[in-house]
C-alpha cells in the first residue's frame, strides 16, 4: 500500500473516531405518543415472554411425566 493511501485511511479513521467521541447537541425530544408506544412494546415483550415460559414449562412437565412413568402405563397409553 502506498504511503499516501495509508495516511488517507488513518486520517479518515481519526476524523470518524473524533466525531463519535465528542458530544454534540441533539435538539430533539420524545413526544408522549412515542413514550406510550415504547411502553406498549415493553408490555408486549413481557407477555410474550410469560406465554413462552408457560408453554415451555408444559412441554418439560409432559416430557418428565413420560420419562418417569412406569413402563406398563406407557404401553397402555400407546395402545
N, C-alpha and C. Protein backbone atom coordinates (compact mmCIF):
# COMPACT_ATOMS: atom_id res chain seq x y z
N UNK A 1 0.85 -1.16 0.00
CA UNK A 1 0.00 0.00 0.00
C UNK A 1 0.90 1.24 0.00
N UNK A 2 0.53 2.19 -0.77
CA UNK A 2 1.34 3.40 -0.87
C UNK A 2 1.21 4.24 0.39
N UNK A 3 2.19 5.07 0.61
CA UNK A 3 2.24 5.90 1.81
C UNK A 3 1.04 6.82 1.91
N UNK A 4 0.65 7.45 0.81
CA UNK A 4 -0.44 8.43 0.86
C UNK A 4 -1.79 7.77 1.11
N UNK A 5 -1.97 6.56 0.63
CA UNK A 5 -3.23 5.88 0.89
C UNK A 5 -3.33 5.47 2.36
N UNK A 6 -2.20 5.11 2.97
CA UNK A 6 -2.20 4.81 4.41
C UNK A 6 -2.53 6.06 5.22
N UNK A 7 -1.95 7.17 4.84
CA UNK A 7 -2.21 8.43 5.53
C UNK A 7 -3.68 8.81 5.38
N UNK A 8 -4.24 8.62 4.21
CA UNK A 8 -5.64 8.97 3.97
C UNK A 8 -6.56 8.09 4.83
N UNK A 9 -6.27 6.80 4.90
CA UNK A 9 -7.10 5.89 5.69
C UNK A 9 -6.99 6.23 7.17
N UNK A 10 -5.79 6.47 7.66
CA UNK A 10 -5.62 6.82 9.07
C UNK A 10 -6.26 8.17 9.40
N UNK A 11 -6.18 9.12 8.50
CA UNK A 11 -6.82 10.42 8.72
C UNK A 11 -8.34 10.27 8.77
N UNK A 12 -8.88 9.49 7.87
CA UNK A 12 -10.31 9.25 7.85
C UNK A 12 -10.75 8.56 9.14
N UNK A 13 -10.00 7.55 9.59
CA UNK A 13 -10.34 6.85 10.83
C UNK A 13 -10.26 7.79 12.02
N UNK A 14 -9.29 8.69 12.06
CA UNK A 14 -9.16 9.65 13.14
C UNK A 14 -10.33 10.63 13.16
N UNK A 15 -10.75 11.09 12.01
CA UNK A 15 -11.88 12.02 11.93
C UNK A 15 -13.16 11.33 12.40
N UNK A 16 -13.38 10.09 12.00
CA UNK A 16 -14.57 9.34 12.43
C UNK A 16 -14.54 9.13 13.94
N UNK A 17 -13.38 8.72 14.48
CA UNK A 17 -13.27 8.47 15.92
C UNK A 17 -13.52 9.74 16.73
N UNK A 18 -12.98 10.87 16.28
CA UNK A 18 -13.20 12.13 16.99
C UNK A 18 -14.65 12.58 16.91
N UNK A 19 -15.28 12.39 15.77
CA UNK A 19 -16.67 12.83 15.65
C UNK A 19 -17.59 11.96 16.51
N UNK A 20 -17.25 10.70 16.72
CA UNK A 20 -18.06 9.85 17.58
C UNK A 20 -17.76 10.09 19.06
N UNK A 21 -16.55 10.49 19.38
CA UNK A 21 -16.15 10.66 20.78
C UNK A 21 -16.60 11.99 21.37
N UNK A 22 -16.67 13.02 20.57
CA UNK A 22 -17.03 14.34 21.08
C UNK A 22 -18.55 14.50 21.10
N UNK A 23 -19.09 14.93 22.22
CA UNK A 23 -20.55 15.07 22.29
C UNK A 23 -21.05 16.24 21.44
N UNK A 24 -22.24 16.04 20.92
CA UNK A 24 -22.87 17.09 20.14
C UNK A 24 -24.29 17.28 20.66
N UNK A 25 -24.82 18.46 20.50
CA UNK A 25 -26.18 18.72 20.94
C UNK A 25 -27.15 18.14 19.92
N UNK A 26 -28.15 17.45 20.42
CA UNK A 26 -29.21 16.91 19.56
C UNK A 26 -30.50 17.58 19.98
N UNK A 27 -30.91 18.56 19.26
CA UNK A 27 -32.11 19.30 19.60
C UNK A 27 -33.34 18.45 19.26
N UNK A 28 -33.63 17.50 20.13
CA UNK A 28 -34.73 16.57 19.88
C UNK A 28 -35.46 16.30 21.19
N UNK A 29 -36.62 15.70 21.07
CA UNK A 29 -37.41 15.34 22.24
C UNK A 29 -38.20 14.08 21.91
N UNK A 30 -38.71 13.44 22.94
CA UNK A 30 -39.58 12.29 22.75
C UNK A 30 -40.99 12.73 23.12
N UNK A 31 -41.89 12.68 22.18
CA UNK A 31 -43.26 13.10 22.47
C UNK A 31 -44.01 12.01 23.22
N UNK A 32 -45.13 12.33 23.83
CA UNK A 32 -45.88 11.35 24.61
C UNK A 32 -46.33 10.14 23.79
N UNK A 33 -46.62 10.33 22.53
CA UNK A 33 -47.02 9.20 21.68
C UNK A 33 -45.92 8.17 21.55
N UNK A 34 -44.69 8.64 21.42
CA UNK A 34 -43.56 7.72 21.32
C UNK A 34 -43.35 6.99 22.63
N UNK A 35 -43.52 7.70 23.74
CA UNK A 35 -43.37 7.06 25.05
C UNK A 35 -44.40 5.97 25.27
N UNK A 36 -45.64 6.22 24.89
CA UNK A 36 -46.67 5.20 25.07
C UNK A 36 -46.45 4.03 24.13
N UNK A 37 -45.93 4.28 22.93
CA UNK A 37 -45.62 3.21 22.00
C UNK A 37 -44.51 2.32 22.56
N UNK A 38 -43.48 2.93 23.14
CA UNK A 38 -42.40 2.15 23.74
C UNK A 38 -42.91 1.34 24.92
N UNK A 39 -43.82 1.91 25.71
CA UNK A 39 -44.42 1.18 26.82
C UNK A 39 -45.21 -0.02 26.31
N UNK A 40 -45.96 0.14 25.22
CA UNK A 40 -46.70 -0.97 24.64
C UNK A 40 -45.77 -2.07 24.15
N UNK A 41 -44.66 -1.69 23.54
CA UNK A 41 -43.69 -2.68 23.09
C UNK A 41 -43.10 -3.45 24.27
N UNK A 42 -42.80 -2.75 25.34
CA UNK A 42 -42.26 -3.39 26.53
C UNK A 42 -43.26 -4.37 27.12
N UNK A 43 -44.51 -3.95 27.25
CA UNK A 43 -45.54 -4.83 27.81
C UNK A 43 -45.78 -6.04 26.92
N UNK A 44 -45.77 -5.85 25.62
CA UNK A 44 -45.94 -6.98 24.70
C UNK A 44 -44.80 -7.98 24.85
N UNK A 45 -43.58 -7.47 24.99
CA UNK A 45 -42.43 -8.36 25.17
C UNK A 45 -42.54 -9.15 26.47
N UNK A 46 -43.01 -8.51 27.53
CA UNK A 46 -43.18 -9.19 28.82
C UNK A 46 -44.21 -10.30 28.69
N UNK A 47 -45.36 -10.01 28.08
CA UNK A 47 -46.41 -11.01 27.95
C UNK A 47 -46.00 -12.16 27.03
N UNK A 48 -45.28 -11.86 25.97
CA UNK A 48 -44.78 -12.93 25.10
C UNK A 48 -43.80 -13.81 25.86
N UNK A 49 -42.95 -13.20 26.68
CA UNK A 49 -42.02 -13.98 27.49
C UNK A 49 -42.74 -14.88 28.48
N UNK A 50 -43.77 -14.35 29.14
CA UNK A 50 -44.53 -15.16 30.09
C UNK A 50 -45.21 -16.32 29.37
N UNK A 51 -45.82 -16.05 28.23
CA UNK A 51 -46.50 -17.09 27.47
C UNK A 51 -45.50 -18.15 27.00
N UNK A 52 -44.34 -17.73 26.54
CA UNK A 52 -43.32 -18.67 26.08
C UNK A 52 -42.82 -19.57 27.21
N UNK A 53 -42.62 -18.99 28.38
CA UNK A 53 -42.17 -19.79 29.53
C UNK A 53 -43.26 -20.78 29.93
N UNK A 54 -44.52 -20.35 29.87
CA UNK A 54 -45.63 -21.23 30.23
C UNK A 54 -45.70 -22.43 29.28
N UNK A 55 -45.57 -22.19 27.99
CA UNK A 55 -45.60 -23.26 27.00
C UNK A 55 -44.41 -24.20 27.20
N UNK A 56 -43.24 -23.63 27.39
CA UNK A 56 -42.03 -24.43 27.58
C UNK A 56 -42.13 -25.27 28.85
N UNK A 57 -42.66 -24.69 29.92
CA UNK A 57 -42.81 -25.43 31.18
C UNK A 57 -43.77 -26.61 31.00
N UNK A 58 -44.84 -26.42 30.25
CA UNK A 58 -45.78 -27.50 29.98
C UNK A 58 -45.12 -28.64 29.22
N UNK A 59 -44.27 -28.31 28.25
CA UNK A 59 -43.57 -29.34 27.48
C UNK A 59 -42.57 -30.08 28.36
N UNK A 60 -41.86 -29.37 29.23
CA UNK A 60 -40.91 -30.01 30.14
C UNK A 60 -41.64 -30.93 31.10
N UNK A 61 -42.78 -30.48 31.59
CA UNK A 61 -43.58 -31.28 32.53
C UNK A 61 -44.09 -32.55 31.85
N UNK A 62 -44.60 -32.44 30.64
CA UNK A 62 -45.10 -33.61 29.91
C UNK A 62 -43.97 -34.58 29.61
N UNK A 63 -42.81 -34.07 29.24
CA UNK A 63 -41.66 -34.93 28.96
C UNK A 63 -41.22 -35.68 30.20
N UNK A 64 -41.17 -34.99 31.32
CA UNK A 64 -40.73 -35.66 32.56
C UNK A 64 -41.76 -36.70 33.01
N UNK A 65 -43.07 -36.46 32.79
CA UNK A 65 -44.08 -37.47 33.12
C UNK A 65 -43.89 -38.71 32.27
N UNK A 66 -43.63 -38.54 30.97
CA UNK A 66 -43.40 -39.69 30.10
C UNK A 66 -42.12 -40.41 30.47
N UNK A 67 -41.11 -39.67 30.87
CA UNK A 67 -39.81 -40.26 31.17
C UNK A 67 -39.85 -41.07 32.46
N UNK A 68 -40.57 -40.58 33.46
CA UNK A 68 -40.55 -41.22 34.77
C UNK A 68 -41.78 -42.07 35.07
N UNK A 69 -42.68 -42.23 34.10
CA UNK A 69 -43.85 -43.07 34.35
C UNK A 69 -43.44 -44.55 34.19
N UNK A 70 -44.16 -45.48 34.85
CA UNK A 70 -43.83 -46.90 34.74
C UNK A 70 -44.01 -47.39 33.30
N UNK A 71 -43.27 -48.45 32.96
CA UNK A 71 -43.27 -48.98 31.59
C UNK A 71 -44.65 -49.49 31.19
N UNK A 72 -45.36 -50.19 32.08
CA UNK A 72 -46.66 -50.74 31.72
C UNK A 72 -47.70 -49.65 31.44
N UNK A 73 -47.60 -48.52 32.14
CA UNK A 73 -48.52 -47.41 31.90
C UNK A 73 -48.24 -46.78 30.54
N UNK A 74 -46.98 -46.72 30.13
CA UNK A 74 -46.63 -46.18 28.83
C UNK A 74 -47.17 -47.09 27.72
N UNK A 75 -47.14 -48.41 27.95
CA UNK A 75 -47.69 -49.34 26.95
C UNK A 75 -49.19 -49.17 26.79
N UNK A 76 -49.89 -48.92 27.90
CA UNK A 76 -51.34 -48.70 27.85
C UNK A 76 -51.67 -47.42 27.09
N UNK A 77 -50.87 -46.36 27.31
CA UNK A 77 -51.12 -45.10 26.62
C UNK A 77 -50.87 -45.22 25.13
N UNK A 78 -49.91 -46.03 24.72
CA UNK A 78 -49.56 -46.16 23.31
C UNK A 78 -50.59 -47.01 22.57
N UNK A 79 -51.20 -47.97 23.24
CA UNK A 79 -52.05 -48.92 22.53
C UNK A 79 -53.47 -48.73 22.74
